[in-house]
């Protein structure tokens, strides 16, 4: 079986798109949020593809699963922070950032299940 680089993973690629959109959004937030929401949202966003990459690069299914769980937690934090920006009137979801976050949440959940419960090898008779 060929080794798949983390950069080739759709979950990593989508996470990188989310980071870009978060940076665009946080540039528009009020200056007094620079050390609050801006900093926290950027850290949460960056954590997602970083943990996917680290987990994939560790080489074991167990490590990969652990880092996917961390990425899922960071994505949940980011979801909350984006929702807060919308509720506070700092942003609208015109760029579909929340949709991207929800898509990635589903993808990571599916990946997490596949890592914990790999398919049974079929026997050739």
PDB file of N, CA and C in Angstrom:
ATOM      1  N   UNK A   1       0.843  -1.182   0.000  1.00  0.00           N
ATOM      2  CA  UNK A   1       0.000   0.000   0.000  1.00  0.00           C
ATOM      3  C   UNK A   1       0.887   1.244   0.000  1.00  0.00           C
ATOM      4  N   UNK A   2       0.571   2.174  -0.864  1.00  0.00           N
ATOM      5  CA  UNK A   2       1.372   3.389  -0.996  1.00  0.00           C
ATOM      6  C   UNK A   2       1.100   4.334   0.177  1.00  0.00           C
ATOM      7  N   UNK A   3       2.142   5.019   0.586  1.00  0.00           N
ATOM      8  CA  UNK A   3       2.017   5.997   1.654  1.00  0.00           C
ATOM      9  C   UNK A   3       1.401   7.275   1.095  1.00  0.00           C
ATOM     10  N   UNK A   4       0.403   7.783   1.755  1.00  0.00           N
ATOM     11  CA  UNK A   4      -0.248   9.026   1.336  1.00  0.00           C
ATOM     12  C   UNK A   4       0.308  10.152   2.202  1.00  0.00           C
ATOM     13  N   UNK A   5       0.829  11.185   1.559  1.00  0.00           N
ATOM     14  CA  UNK A   5       1.351  12.336   2.282  1.00  0.00           C
ATOM     15  C   UNK A   5       0.190  13.151   2.843  1.00  0.00           C
ATOM     16  N   UNK A   6       0.409  13.778   3.967  1.00  0.00           N
ATOM     17  CA  UNK A   6      -0.657  14.563   4.585  1.00  0.00           C
ATOM     18  C   UNK A   6      -1.163  15.665   3.658  1.00  0.00           C
ATOM     19  N   UNK A   7      -0.298  16.202   2.815  1.00  0.00           N
ATOM     20  CA  UNK A   7      -0.702  17.272   1.894  1.00  0.00           C
ATOM     21  C   UNK A   7      -1.696  16.778   0.842  1.00  0.00           C
ATOM     22  N   UNK A   8      -1.739  15.473   0.628  1.00  0.00           N
ATOM     23  CA  UNK A   8      -2.670  14.889  -0.336  1.00  0.00           C
ATOM     24  C   UNK A   8      -4.036  14.573   0.280  1.00  0.00           C
ATOM     25  N   UNK A   9      -4.152  14.699   1.588  1.00  0.00           N
ATOM     26  CA  UNK A   9      -5.414  14.383   2.267  1.00  0.00           C
ATOM     27  C   UNK A   9      -6.422  15.510   2.056  1.00  0.00           C
ATOM     28  N   UNK A  10      -7.632  15.151   1.664  1.00  0.00           N
ATOM     29  CA  UNK A  10      -8.677  16.160   1.474  1.00  0.00           C
ATOM     30  C   UNK A  10      -8.988  16.891   2.778  1.00  0.00           C
ATOM     31  N   UNK A  11      -8.896  16.188   3.916  1.00  0.00           N
ATOM     32  CA  UNK A  11      -9.179  16.853   5.199  1.00  0.00           C
ATOM     33  C   UNK A  11      -8.151  17.935   5.485  1.00  0.00           C
ATOM     34  N   UNK A  12      -6.892  17.674   5.165  1.00  0.00           N
ATOM     35  CA  UNK A  12      -5.843  18.679   5.371  1.00  0.00           C
ATOM     36  C   UNK A  12      -6.047  19.861   4.426  1.00  0.00           C
ATOM     37  N   UNK A  13      -6.367  19.574   3.164  1.00  0.00           N
ATOM     38  CA  UNK A  13      -6.580  20.633   2.182  1.00  0.00           C
ATOM     39  C   UNK A  13      -7.754  21.523   2.569  1.00  0.00           C
ATOM     40  N   UNK A  14      -8.854  20.924   3.012  1.00  0.00           N
ATOM     41  CA  UNK A  14     -10.022  21.715   3.431  1.00  0.00           C
ATOM     42  C   UNK A  14      -9.680  22.519   4.676  1.00  0.00           C
ATOM     43  N   UNK A  15      -8.925  21.944   5.591  1.00  0.00           N
ATOM     44  CA  UNK A  15      -8.510  22.663   6.801  1.00  0.00           C
ATOM     45  C   UNK A  15      -7.659  23.879   6.441  1.00  0.00           C
ATOM     46  N   UNK A  16      -6.812  23.759   5.439  1.00  0.00           N
ATOM     47  CA  UNK A  16      -5.989  24.889   5.002  1.00  0.00           C
ATOM     48  C   UNK A  16      -6.855  26.003   4.399  1.00  0.00           C
ATOM     49  N   UNK A  17      -7.888  25.634   3.673  1.00  0.00           N
ATOM     50  CA  UNK A  17      -8.817  26.633   3.122  1.00  0.00           C
ATOM     51  C   UNK A  17      -9.501  27.375   4.263  1.00  0.00           C
ATOM     52  N   UNK A  18      -9.880  26.631   5.297  1.00  0.00           N
ATOM     53  CA  UNK A  18     -10.528  27.243   6.458  1.00  0.00           C
ATOM     54  C   UNK A  18      -9.576  28.231   7.133  1.00  0.00           C
ATOM     55  N   UNK A  19      -8.315  27.872   7.269  1.00  0.00           N
ATOM     56  CA  UNK A  19      -7.333  28.790   7.869  1.00  0.00           C
ATOM     57  C   UNK A  19      -7.276  30.086   7.061  1.00  0.00           C
ATOM     58  N   UNK A  20      -7.222  29.970   5.754  1.00  0.00           N
ATOM     59  CA  UNK A  20      -7.176  31.165   4.906  1.00  0.00           C
ATOM     60  C   UNK A  20      -8.407  32.038   5.132  1.00  0.00           C
ATOM     61  N   UNK A  21      -9.583  31.421   5.195  1.00  0.00           N
ATOM     62  CA  UNK A  21     -10.823  32.177   5.395  1.00  0.00           C
ATOM     63  C   UNK A  21     -10.871  32.812   6.783  1.00  0.00           C
ATOM     64  N   UNK A  22     -10.330  32.125   7.775  1.00  0.00           N
ATOM     65  CA  UNK A  22     -10.293  32.687   9.126  1.00  0.00           C
ATOM     66  C   UNK A  22      -9.382  33.913   9.156  1.00  0.00           C
ATOM     67  N   UNK A  23      -8.254  33.847   8.482  1.00  0.00           N
ATOM     68  CA  UNK A  23      -7.373  35.015   8.425  1.00  0.00           C
ATOM     69  C   UNK A  23      -8.064  36.188   7.736  1.00  0.00           C
ATOM     70  N   UNK A  24      -8.807  35.901   6.663  1.00  0.00           N
ATOM     71  CA  UNK A  24      -9.549  36.967   5.991  1.00  0.00           C
ATOM     72  C   UNK A  24     -10.588  37.571   6.933  1.00  0.00           C
ATOM     73  N   UNK A  25     -11.323  36.724   7.635  1.00  0.00           N
ATOM     74  CA  UNK A  25     -12.356  37.197   8.559  1.00  0.00           C
ATOM     75  C   UNK A  25     -11.756  38.001   9.702  1.00  0.00           C
ATOM     76  N   UNK A  26     -10.689  37.503  10.292  1.00  0.00           N
ATOM     77  CA  UNK A  26     -10.135  38.178  11.467  1.00  0.00           C
ATOM     78  C   UNK A  26      -9.506  39.523  11.130  1.00  0.00           C
ATOM     79  N   UNK A  27      -9.134  39.729   9.872  1.00  0.00           N
ATOM     80  CA  UNK A  27      -8.622  41.039   9.460  1.00  0.00           C
ATOM     81  C   UNK A  27      -9.703  42.110   9.562  1.00  0.00           C
ATOM     82  N   UNK A  28     -10.957  41.695   9.525  1.00  0.00           N
ATOM     83  CA  UNK A  28     -12.068  42.647   9.550  1.00  0.00           C
ATOM     84  C   UNK A  28     -12.617  42.891  10.952  1.00  0.00           C
ATOM     85  N   UNK A  29     -12.140  42.154  11.940  1.00  0.00           N
ATOM     86  CA  UNK A  29     -12.669  42.306  13.306  1.00  0.00           C
ATOM     87  C   UNK A  29     -12.149  43.601  13.934  1.00  0.00           C
ATOM     88  N   UNK A  30     -12.863  44.110  14.923  1.00  0.00           N
ATOM     89  CA  UNK A  30     -12.426  45.347  15.597  1.00  0.00           C
ATOM     90  C   UNK A  30     -11.029  45.201  16.207  1.00  0.00           C
ATOM     91  N   UNK A  31     -10.309  46.298  16.233  1.00  0.00           N
ATOM     92  CA  UNK A  31      -8.935  46.299  16.764  1.00  0.00           C
ATOM     93  C   UNK A  31      -8.877  45.837  18.211  1.00  0.00           C
ATOM     94  N   UNK A  32      -9.930  46.116  18.992  1.00  0.00           N
ATOM     95  CA  UNK A  32      -9.895  45.703  20.394  1.00  0.00           C
ATOM     96  C   UNK A  32     -10.052  44.192  20.565  1.00  0.00           C
ATOM     97  N   UNK A  33     -10.310  43.465  19.489  1.00  0.00           N
ATOM     98  CA  UNK A  33     -10.377  42.003  19.546  1.00  0.00           C
ATOM     99  C   UNK A  33      -9.063  41.332  19.132  1.00  0.00           C
ATOM    100  N   UNK A  34      -8.046  42.162  18.857  1.00  0.00           N
ATOM    101  CA  UNK A  34      -6.776  41.621  18.372  1.00  0.00           C
ATOM    102  C   UNK A  34      -6.188  40.565  19.309  1.00  0.00           C
ATOM    103  N   UNK A  35      -6.260  40.800  20.610  1.00  0.00           N
ATOM    104  CA  UNK A  35      -5.686  39.848  21.565  1.00  0.00           C
ATOM    105  C   UNK A  35      -6.737  38.892  22.106  1.00  0.00           C
ATOM    106  N   UNK A  36      -7.966  39.040  21.656  1.00  0.00           N
ATOM    107  CA  UNK A  36      -9.058  38.170  22.081  1.00  0.00           C
ATOM    108  C   UNK A  36      -9.424  37.214  20.971  1.00  0.00           C
ATOM    109  N   UNK A  37     -10.526  37.512  20.308  1.00  0.00           N
ATOM    110  CA  UNK A  37     -11.037  36.629  19.269  1.00  0.00           C
ATOM    111  C   UNK A  37     -10.057  36.407  18.122  1.00  0.00           C
ATOM    112  N   UNK A  38      -9.405  37.440  17.673  1.00  0.00           N
ATOM    113  CA  UNK A  38      -8.490  37.292  16.532  1.00  0.00           C
ATOM    114  C   UNK A  38      -7.413  36.268  16.847  1.00  0.00           C
ATOM    115  N   UNK A  39      -6.746  36.447  17.952  1.00  0.00           N
ATOM    116  CA  UNK A  39      -5.673  35.535  18.341  1.00  0.00           C
ATOM    117  C   UNK A  39      -6.187  34.116  18.547  1.00  0.00           C
ATOM    118  N   UNK A  40      -7.285  33.986  19.253  1.00  0.00           N
ATOM    119  CA  UNK A  40      -7.824  32.667  19.558  1.00  0.00           C
ATOM    120  C   UNK A  40      -8.318  31.952  18.304  1.00  0.00           C
ATOM    121  N   UNK A  41      -8.997  32.688  17.419  1.00  0.00           N
ATOM    122  CA  UNK A  41      -9.507  32.069  16.197  1.00  0.00           C
ATOM    123  C   UNK A  41      -8.367  31.600  15.293  1.00  0.00           C
ATOM    124  N   UNK A  42      -7.340  32.399  15.195  1.00  0.00           N
ATOM    125  CA  UNK A  42      -6.205  32.005  14.355  1.00  0.00           C
ATOM    126  C   UNK A  42      -5.501  30.784  14.927  1.00  0.00           C
ATOM    127  N   UNK A  43      -5.319  30.748  16.233  1.00  0.00           N
ATOM    128  CA  UNK A  43      -4.680  29.579  16.852  1.00  0.00           C
ATOM    129  C   UNK A  43      -5.512  28.325  16.652  1.00  0.00           C
ATOM    130  N   UNK A  44      -6.823  28.440  16.852  1.00  0.00           N
ATOM    131  CA  UNK A  44      -7.707  27.284  16.670  1.00  0.00           C
ATOM    132  C   UNK A  44      -7.658  26.793  15.228  1.00  0.00           C
ATOM    133  N   UNK A  45      -7.746  27.722  14.297  1.00  0.00           N
ATOM    134  CA  UNK A  45      -7.747  27.358  12.880  1.00  0.00           C
ATOM    135  C   UNK A  45      -6.438  26.682  12.473  1.00  0.00           C
ATOM    136  N   UNK A  46      -5.325  27.265  12.879  1.00  0.00           N
ATOM    137  CA  UNK A  46      -4.015  26.707  12.527  1.00  0.00           C
ATOM    138  C   UNK A  46      -3.816  25.329  13.147  1.00  0.00           C
ATOM    139  N   UNK A  47      -4.386  25.115  14.300  1.00  0.00           N
ATOM    140  CA  UNK A  47      -4.247  23.840  14.997  1.00  0.00           C
ATOM    141  C   UNK A  47      -4.833  22.671  14.213  1.00  0.00           C
ATOM    142  N   UNK A  48      -5.864  22.923  13.435  1.00  0.00           N
ATOM    143  CA  UNK A  48      -6.541  21.822  12.734  1.00  0.00           C
ATOM    144  C   UNK A  48      -5.628  21.171  11.691  1.00  0.00           C
ATOM    145  N   UNK A  49      -5.158  21.878  10.663  1.00  0.00           N
ATOM    146  CA  UNK A  49      -4.284  21.200   9.699  1.00  0.00           C
ATOM    147  C   UNK A  49      -2.941  20.774  10.305  1.00  0.00           C
ATOM    148  N   UNK A  50      -2.489  21.517  11.313  1.00  0.00           N
ATOM    149  CA  UNK A  50      -1.223  21.155  11.959  1.00  0.00           C
ATOM    150  C   UNK A  50      -1.325  19.787  12.632  1.00  0.00           C
ATOM    151  N   UNK A  51      -2.433  19.542  13.323  1.00  0.00           N
ATOM    152  CA  UNK A  51      -2.609  18.254  13.996  1.00  0.00           C
ATOM    153  C   UNK A  51      -2.887  17.124  13.016  1.00  0.00           C
ATOM    154  N   UNK A  52      -3.569  17.421  11.920  1.00  0.00           N
ATOM    155  CA  UNK A  52      -3.758  16.406  10.887  1.00  0.00           C
ATOM    156  C   UNK A  52      -2.398  15.992  10.330  1.00  0.00           C
ATOM    157  N   UNK A  53      -1.566  16.978  10.025  1.00  0.00           N
ATOM    158  CA  UNK A  53      -0.237  16.709   9.476  1.00  0.00           C
ATOM    159  C   UNK A  53       0.625  15.941  10.475  1.00  0.00           C
ATOM    160  N   UNK A  54       0.626  16.381  11.720  1.00  0.00           N
ATOM    161  CA  UNK A  54       1.462  15.705  12.715  1.00  0.00           C
ATOM    162  C   UNK A  54       1.006  14.274  12.931  1.00  0.00           C
ATOM    163  N   UNK A  55      -0.292  14.085  13.053  1.00  0.00           N
ATOM    164  CA  UNK A  55      -0.806  12.735  13.266  1.00  0.00           C
ATOM    165  C   UNK A  55      -0.485  11.808  12.114  1.00  0.00           C
ATOM    166  N   UNK A  56      -0.679  12.286  10.898  1.00  0.00           N
ATOM    167  CA  UNK A  56      -0.395  11.467   9.713  1.00  0.00           C
ATOM    168  C   UNK A  56       1.079  11.135   9.631  1.00  0.00           C
ATOM    169  N   UNK A  57       1.922  12.053  10.059  1.00  0.00           N
ATOM    170  CA  UNK A  57       3.370  11.871   9.964  1.00  0.00           C
ATOM    171  C   UNK A  57       3.949  11.004  11.072  1.00  0.00           C
ATOM    172  N   UNK A  58       3.185  10.745  12.119  1.00  0.00           N
ATOM    173  CA  UNK A  58       3.700   9.952  13.236  1.00  0.00           C
ATOM    174  C   UNK A  58       3.918   8.486  12.870  1.00  0.00           C
ATOM    175  N   UNK A  59       3.122   7.975  11.962  1.00  0.00           N
ATOM    176  CA  UNK A  59       3.371   6.616  11.486  1.00  0.00           C
ATOM    177  C   UNK A  59       2.556   5.517  12.121  1.00  0.00           C
ATOM    178  N   UNK A  60       1.819   5.806  13.186  1.00  0.00           N
ATOM    179  CA  UNK A  60       0.984   4.754  13.763  1.00  0.00           C
ATOM    180  C   UNK A  60      -0.478   5.182  13.731  1.00  0.00           C
ATOM    181  N   UNK A  61      -1.342   4.215  13.586  1.00  0.00           N
ATOM    182  CA  UNK A  61      -2.780   4.471  13.557  1.00  0.00           C
ATOM    183  C   UNK A  61      -3.237   5.109  14.868  1.00  0.00           C
ATOM    184  N   UNK A  62      -2.676   4.639  15.958  1.00  0.00           N
ATOM    185  CA  UNK A  62      -3.065   5.175  17.275  1.00  0.00           C
ATOM    186  C   UNK A  62      -2.700   6.655  17.404  1.00  0.00           C
ATOM    187  N   UNK A  63      -1.476   7.011  17.020  1.00  0.00           N
ATOM    188  CA  UNK A  63      -1.065   8.416  17.064  1.00  0.00           C
ATOM    189  C   UNK A  63      -1.918   9.259  16.132  1.00  0.00           C
ATOM    190  N   UNK A  64      -2.146   8.752  14.935  1.00  0.00           N
ATOM    191  CA  UNK A  64      -2.956   9.472  13.959  1.00  0.00           C
ATOM    192  C   UNK A  64      -4.347   9.747  14.524  1.00  0.00           C
ATOM    193  N   UNK A  65      -4.944   8.737  15.112  1.00  0.00           N
ATOM    194  CA  UNK A  65      -6.277   8.872  15.706  1.00  0.00           C
ATOM    195  C   UNK A  65      -6.278   9.921  16.818  1.00  0.00           C
ATOM    196  N   UNK A  66      -5.238   9.909  17.640  1.00  0.00           N
ATOM    197  CA  UNK A  66      -5.122  10.865  18.740  1.00  0.00           C
ATOM    198  C   UNK A  66      -5.065  12.307  18.213  1.00  0.00           C
ATOM    199  N   UNK A  67      -4.262  12.535  17.183  1.00  0.00           N
ATOM    200  CA  UNK A  67      -4.125  13.885  16.649  1.00  0.00           C
ATOM    201  C   UNK A  67      -5.362  14.323  15.874  1.00  0.00           C
ATOM    202  N   UNK A  68      -6.085  13.377  15.288  1.00  0.00           N
ATOM    203  CA  UNK A  68      -7.358  13.716  14.643  1.00  0.00           C
ATOM    204  C   UNK A  68      -8.352  14.169  15.713  1.00  0.00           C
ATOM    205  N   UNK A  69      -8.322  13.524  16.872  1.00  0.00           N
ATOM    206  CA  UNK A  69      -9.200  13.937  17.976  1.00  0.00           C
ATOM    207  C   UNK A  69      -8.864  15.366  18.423  1.00  0.00           C
ATOM    208  N   UNK A  70      -7.604  15.695  18.479  1.00  0.00           N
ATOM    209  CA  UNK A  70      -7.203  17.060  18.846  1.00  0.00           C
ATOM    210  C   UNK A  70      -7.674  18.047  17.781  1.00  0.00           C
ATOM    211  N   UNK A  71      -7.512  17.690  16.505  1.00  0.00           N
ATOM    212  CA  UNK A  71      -7.964  18.547  15.413  1.00  0.00           C
ATOM    213  C   UNK A  71      -9.474  18.776  15.508  1.00  0.00           C
ATOM    214  N   UNK A  72     -10.218  17.731  15.846  1.00  0.00           N
ATOM    215  CA  UNK A  72     -11.672  17.869  15.986  1.00  0.00           C
ATOM    216  C   UNK A  72     -12.022  18.839  17.116  1.00  0.00           C
ATOM    217  N   UNK A  73     -11.278  18.777  18.197  1.00  0.00           N
ATOM    218  CA  UNK A  73     -11.504  19.701  19.308  1.00  0.00           C
ATOM    219  C   UNK A  73     -11.212  21.136  18.917  1.00  0.00           C
ATOM    220  N   UNK A  74     -10.126  21.351  18.207  1.00  0.00           N
ATOM    221  CA  UNK A  74      -9.774  22.698  17.752  1.00  0.00           C
ATOM    222  C   UNK A  74     -10.816  23.231  16.777  1.00  0.00           C
ATOM    223  N   UNK A  75     -11.347  22.348  15.935  1.00  0.00           N
ATOM    224  CA  UNK A  75     -12.370  22.770  14.983  1.00  0.00           C
ATOM    225  C   UNK A  75     -13.665  23.139  15.700  1.00  0.00           C
ATOM    226  N   UNK A  76     -13.985  22.427  16.775  1.00  0.00           N
ATOM    227  CA  UNK A  76     -15.167  22.774  17.572  1.00  0.00           C
ATOM    228  C   UNK A  76     -14.979  24.145  18.234  1.00  0.00           C
ATOM    229  N   UNK A  77     -13.767  24.416  18.701  1.00  0.00           N
ATOM    230  CA  UNK A  77     -13.469  25.744  19.258  1.00  0.00           C
ATOM    231  C   UNK A  77     -13.680  26.820  18.198  1.00  0.00           C
ATOM    232  N   UNK A  78     -13.156  26.575  17.010  1.00  0.00           N
ATOM    233  CA  UNK A  78     -13.281  27.546  15.930  1.00  0.00           C
ATOM    234  C   UNK A  78     -14.739  27.762  15.546  1.00  0.00           C
ATOM    235  N   UNK A  79     -15.500  26.709  15.494  1.00  0.00           N
ATOM    236  CA  UNK A  79     -16.933  26.801  15.200  1.00  0.00           C
ATOM    237  C   UNK A  79     -17.606  27.741  16.195  1.00  0.00           C
ATOM    238  N   UNK A  80     -17.319  27.553  17.460  1.00  0.00           N
ATOM    239  CA  UNK A  80     -17.886  28.401  18.511  1.00  0.00           C
ATOM    240  C   UNK A  80     -17.466  29.854  18.337  1.00  0.00           C
ATOM    241  N   UNK A  81     -16.216  30.074  18.015  1.00  0.00           N
ATOM    242  CA  UNK A  81     -15.698  31.437  17.862  1.00  0.00           C
ATOM    243  C   UNK A  81     -16.306  32.138  16.650  1.00  0.00           C
ATOM    244  N   UNK A  82     -16.493  31.418  15.556  1.00  0.00           N
ATOM    245  CA  UNK A  82     -17.118  32.020  14.373  1.00  0.00           C
ATOM    246  C   UNK A  82     -18.580  32.339  14.670  1.00  0.00           C
ATOM    247  N   UNK A  83     -19.258  31.415  15.335  1.00  0.00           N
ATOM    248  CA  UNK A  83     -20.651  31.674  15.722  1.00  0.00           C
ATOM    249  C   UNK A  83     -20.744  32.909  16.620  1.00  0.00           C
ATOM    250  N   UNK A  84     -19.786  33.056  17.518  1.00  0.00           N
ATOM    251  CA  UNK A  84     -19.767  34.221  18.389  1.00  0.00           C
ATOM    252  C   UNK A  84     -19.584  35.504  17.579  1.00  0.00           C
ATOM    253  N   UNK A  85     -18.697  35.476  16.596  1.00  0.00           N
ATOM    254  CA  UNK A  85     -18.501  36.654  15.731  1.00  0.00           C
ATOM    255  C   UNK A  85     -19.798  37.025  15.020  1.00  0.00           C
ATOM    256  N   UNK A  86     -20.510  36.032  14.556  1.00  0.00           N
ATOM    257  CA  UNK A  86     -21.780  36.291  13.871  1.00  0.00           C
ATOM    258  C   UNK A  86     -22.791  36.863  14.852  1.00  0.00           C
ATOM    259  N   UNK A  87     -22.878  36.259  16.045  1.00  0.00           N
ATOM    260  CA  UNK A  87     -23.844  36.718  17.052  1.00  0.00           C
ATOM    261  C   UNK A  87     -23.542  38.133  17.540  1.00  0.00           C
ATOM    262  N   UNK A  88     -22.266  38.481  17.602  1.00  0.00           N
ATOM    263  CA  UNK A  88     -21.881  39.822  18.049  1.00  0.00           C
ATOM    264  C   UNK A  88     -21.989  40.855  16.931  1.00  0.00           C
ATOM    265  N   UNK A  89     -22.308  40.404  15.741  1.00  0.00           N
ATOM    266  CA  UNK A  89     -22.442  41.318  14.617  1.00  0.00           C
ATOM    267  C   UNK A  89     -21.119  41.712  13.987  1.00  0.00           C
ATOM    268  N   UNK A  90     -20.042  41.023  14.347  1.00  0.00           N
ATOM    269  CA  UNK A  90     -18.736  41.318  13.770  1.00  0.00           C
ATOM    270  C   UNK A  90     -18.618  40.778  12.346  1.00  0.00           C
ATOM    271  N   UNK A  91     -19.416  39.767  12.038  1.00  0.00           N
ATOM    272  CA  UNK A  91     -19.288  39.111  10.735  1.00  0.00           C
ATOM    273  C   UNK A  91     -20.611  38.486  10.345  1.00  0.00           C
ATOM    274  N   UNK A  92     -20.731  38.277   9.048  1.00  0.00           N
ATOM    275  CA  UNK A  92     -21.814  37.469   8.509  1.00  0.00           C
ATOM    276  C   UNK A  92     -21.147  36.266   7.865  1.00  0.00           C
ATOM    277  N   UNK A  93     -21.888  35.222   7.684  1.00  0.00           N
ATOM    278  CA  UNK A  93     -21.283  34.030   7.100  1.00  0.00           C
ATOM    279  C   UNK A  93     -21.406  34.054   5.581  1.00  0.00           C
ATOM    280  N   UNK A  94     -21.019  35.159   4.977  1.00  0.00           N
ATOM    281  CA  UNK A  94     -21.098  35.302   3.528  1.00  0.00           C
ATOM    282  C   UNK A  94     -20.129  34.384   2.788  1.00  0.00           C
ATOM    283  N   UNK A  95     -19.021  34.084   3.401  1.00  0.00           N
ATOM    284  CA  UNK A  95     -18.020  33.233   2.747  1.00  0.00           C
ATOM    285  C   UNK A  95     -18.249  31.753   3.014  1.00  0.00           C
ATOM    286  N   UNK A  96     -19.352  31.437   3.646  1.00  0.00           N
ATOM    287  CA  UNK A  96     -19.702  30.049   3.950  1.00  0.00           C
ATOM    288  C   UNK A  96     -18.669  29.353   4.830  1.00  0.00           C
ATOM    289  N   UNK A  97     -18.041  30.105   5.694  1.00  0.00           N
ATOM    290  CA  UNK A  97     -17.045  29.530   6.595  1.00  0.00           C
ATOM    291  C   UNK A  97     -17.669  28.460   7.486  1.00  0.00           C
ATOM    292  N   UNK A  98     -18.845  28.735   8.010  1.00  0.00           N
ATOM    293  CA  UNK A  98     -19.493  27.734   8.867  1.00  0.00           C
ATOM    294  C   UNK A  98     -19.803  26.455   8.090  1.00  0.00           C
ATOM    295  N   UNK A  99     -20.210  26.584   6.841  1.00  0.00           N
ATOM    296  CA  UNK A  99     -20.473  25.402   6.017  1.00  0.00           C
ATOM    297  C   UNK A  99     -19.201  24.584   5.844  1.00  0.00           C
ATOM    298  N   UNK A 100     -18.092  25.254   5.579  1.00  0.00           N
ATOM    299  CA  UNK A 100     -16.812  24.553   5.452  1.00  0.00           C
ATOM    300  C   UNK A 100     -16.426  23.859   6.750  1.00  0.00           C
ATOM    301  N   UNK A 101     -16.661  24.533   7.867  1.00  0.00           N
ATOM    302  CA  UNK A 101     -16.348  23.944   9.169  1.00  0.00           C
ATOM    303  C   UNK A 101     -17.189  22.692   9.391  1.00  0.00           C
ATOM    304  N   UNK A 102     -18.486  22.762   9.084  1.00  0.00           N
ATOM    305  CA  UNK A 102     -19.365  21.604   9.292  1.00  0.00           C
ATOM    306  C   UNK A 102     -18.980  20.447   8.371  1.00  0.00           C
ATOM    307  N   UNK A 103     -18.592  20.757   7.139  1.00  0.00           N
ATOM    308  CA  UNK A 103     -18.132  19.707   6.223  1.00  0.00           C
ATOM    309  C   UNK A 103     -16.883  19.028   6.772  1.00  0.00           C
ATOM    310  N   UNK A 104     -15.948  19.827   7.262  1.00  0.00           N
ATOM    311  CA  UNK A 104     -14.714  19.260   7.798  1.00  0.00           C
ATOM    312  C   UNK A 104     -14.994  18.473   9.080  1.00  0.00           C
ATOM    313  N   UNK A 105     -15.922  18.926   9.891  1.00  0.00           N
ATOM    314  CA  UNK A 105     -16.283  18.163  11.090  1.00  0.00           C
ATOM    315  C   UNK A 105     -16.772  16.772  10.714  1.00  0.00           C
ATOM    316  N   UNK A 106     -17.607  16.697   9.689  1.00  0.00           N
ATOM    317  CA  UNK A 106     -18.104  15.387   9.239  1.00  0.00           C
ATOM    318  C   UNK A 106     -16.971  14.527   8.687  1.00  0.00           C
ATOM    319  N   UNK A 107     -16.080  15.140   7.919  1.00  0.00           N
ATOM    320  CA  UNK A 107     -14.958  14.400   7.349  1.00  0.00           C
ATOM    321  C   UNK A 107     -14.043  13.848   8.437  1.00  0.00           C
ATOM    322  N   UNK A 108     -13.754  14.682   9.433  1.00  0.00           N
ATOM    323  CA  UNK A 108     -12.882  14.235  10.528  1.00  0.00           C
ATOM    324  C   UNK A 108     -13.552  13.165  11.376  1.00  0.00           C
ATOM    325  N   UNK A 109     -14.858  13.278  11.564  1.00  0.00           N
ATOM    326  CA  UNK A 109     -15.587  12.251  12.327  1.00  0.00           C
ATOM    327  C   UNK A 109     -15.512  10.915  11.596  1.00  0.00           C
ATOM    328  N   UNK A 110     -15.698  10.953  10.291  1.00  0.00           N
ATOM    329  CA  UNK A 110     -15.618   9.732   9.490  1.00  0.00           C
ATOM    330  C   UNK A 110     -14.211   9.136   9.534  1.00  0.00           C
ATOM    331  N   UNK A 111     -13.208   9.988   9.400  1.00  0.00           N
ATOM    332  CA  UNK A 111     -11.823   9.527   9.467  1.00  0.00           C
ATOM    333  C   UNK A 111     -11.525   8.922  10.831  1.00  0.00           C
ATOM    334  N   UNK A 112     -12.027   9.543  11.869  1.00  0.00           N
ATOM    335  CA  UNK A 112     -11.809   9.047  13.227  1.00  0.00           C
ATOM    336  C   UNK A 112     -12.372   7.633  13.390  1.00  0.00           C
ATOM    337  N   UNK A 113     -13.563   7.407  12.871  1.00  0.00           N
ATOM    338  CA  UNK A 113     -14.180   6.067  12.947  1.00  0.00           C
ATOM    339  C   UNK A 113     -13.352   5.066  12.159  1.00  0.00           C
ATOM    340  N   UNK A 114     -12.901   5.444  10.975  1.00  0.00           N
ATOM    341  CA  UNK A 114     -12.099   4.537  10.151  1.00  0.00           C
ATOM    342  C   UNK A 114     -10.779   4.187  10.814  1.00  0.00           C
ATOM    343  N   UNK A 115     -10.210   5.131  11.538  1.00  0.00           N
ATOM    344  CA  UNK A 115      -8.947   4.852  12.220  1.00  0.00           C
ATOM    345  C   UNK A 115      -9.142   3.939  13.425  1.00  0.00           C
ATOM    346  N   UNK A 116     -10.262   4.106  14.116  1.00  0.00           N
ATOM    347  CA  UNK A 116     -10.527   3.268  15.289  1.00  0.00           C
ATOM    348  C   UNK A 116     -11.013   1.879  14.913  1.00  0.00           C
ATOM    349  N   UNK A 117     -11.738   1.785  13.811  1.00  0.00           N
ATOM    350  CA  UNK A 117     -12.323   0.508  13.398  1.00  0.00           C
ATOM    351  C   UNK A 117     -11.967   0.209  11.948  1.00  0.00           C
ATOM    352  N   UNK A 118     -10.715  -0.181  11.712  1.00  0.00           N
ATOM    353  CA  UNK A 118     -10.307  -0.444  10.340  1.00  0.00           C
ATOM    354  C   UNK A 118     -11.063  -1.639   9.769  1.00  0.00           C
ATOM    355  N   UNK A 119     -11.244  -1.678   8.464  1.00  0.00           N
ATOM    356  CA  UNK A 119     -11.947  -2.814   7.869  1.00  0.00           C
ATOM    357  C   UNK A 119     -11.173  -4.099   8.097  1.00  0.00           C
ATOM    358  N   UNK A 120     -11.901  -5.149   8.280  1.00  0.00           N
ATOM    359  CA  UNK A 120     -11.269  -6.452   8.482  1.00  0.00           C
ATOM    360  C   UNK A 120     -10.693  -6.918   7.165  1.00  0.00           C
ATOM    361  N   UNK A 121      -9.502  -7.482   7.228  1.00  0.00           N
ATOM    362  CA  UNK A 121      -8.928  -7.987   5.986  1.00  0.00           C
ATOM    363  C   UNK A 121      -9.758  -9.174   5.492  1.00  0.00           C
ATOM    364  N   UNK A 122      -9.939  -9.232   4.200  1.00  0.00           N
ATOM    365  CA  UNK A 122     -10.699 -10.341   3.639  1.00  0.00           C
ATOM    366  C   UNK A 122      -9.764 -11.509   3.413  1.00  0.00           C
ATOM    367  N   UNK A 123     -10.269 -12.656   3.617  1.00  0.00           N
ATOM    368  CA  UNK A 123      -9.445 -13.844   3.414  1.00  0.00           C
ATOM    369  C   UNK A 123      -9.624 -14.325   1.987  1.00  0.00           C
ATOM    370  N   UNK A 124      -8.543 -14.687   1.384  1.00  0.00           N
ATOM    371  CA  UNK A 124      -8.631 -15.226   0.015  1.00  0.00           C
ATOM    372  C   UNK A 124      -8.650 -16.745   0.119  1.00  0.00           C
ATOM    373  N   UNK A 125      -9.700 -17.310  -0.396  1.00  0.00           N
ATOM    374  CA  UNK A 125      -9.813 -18.766  -0.334  1.00  0.00           C
ATOM    375  C   UNK A 125      -9.725 -19.397  -1.677  1.00  0.00           C
TER     376      UNK A 125
END
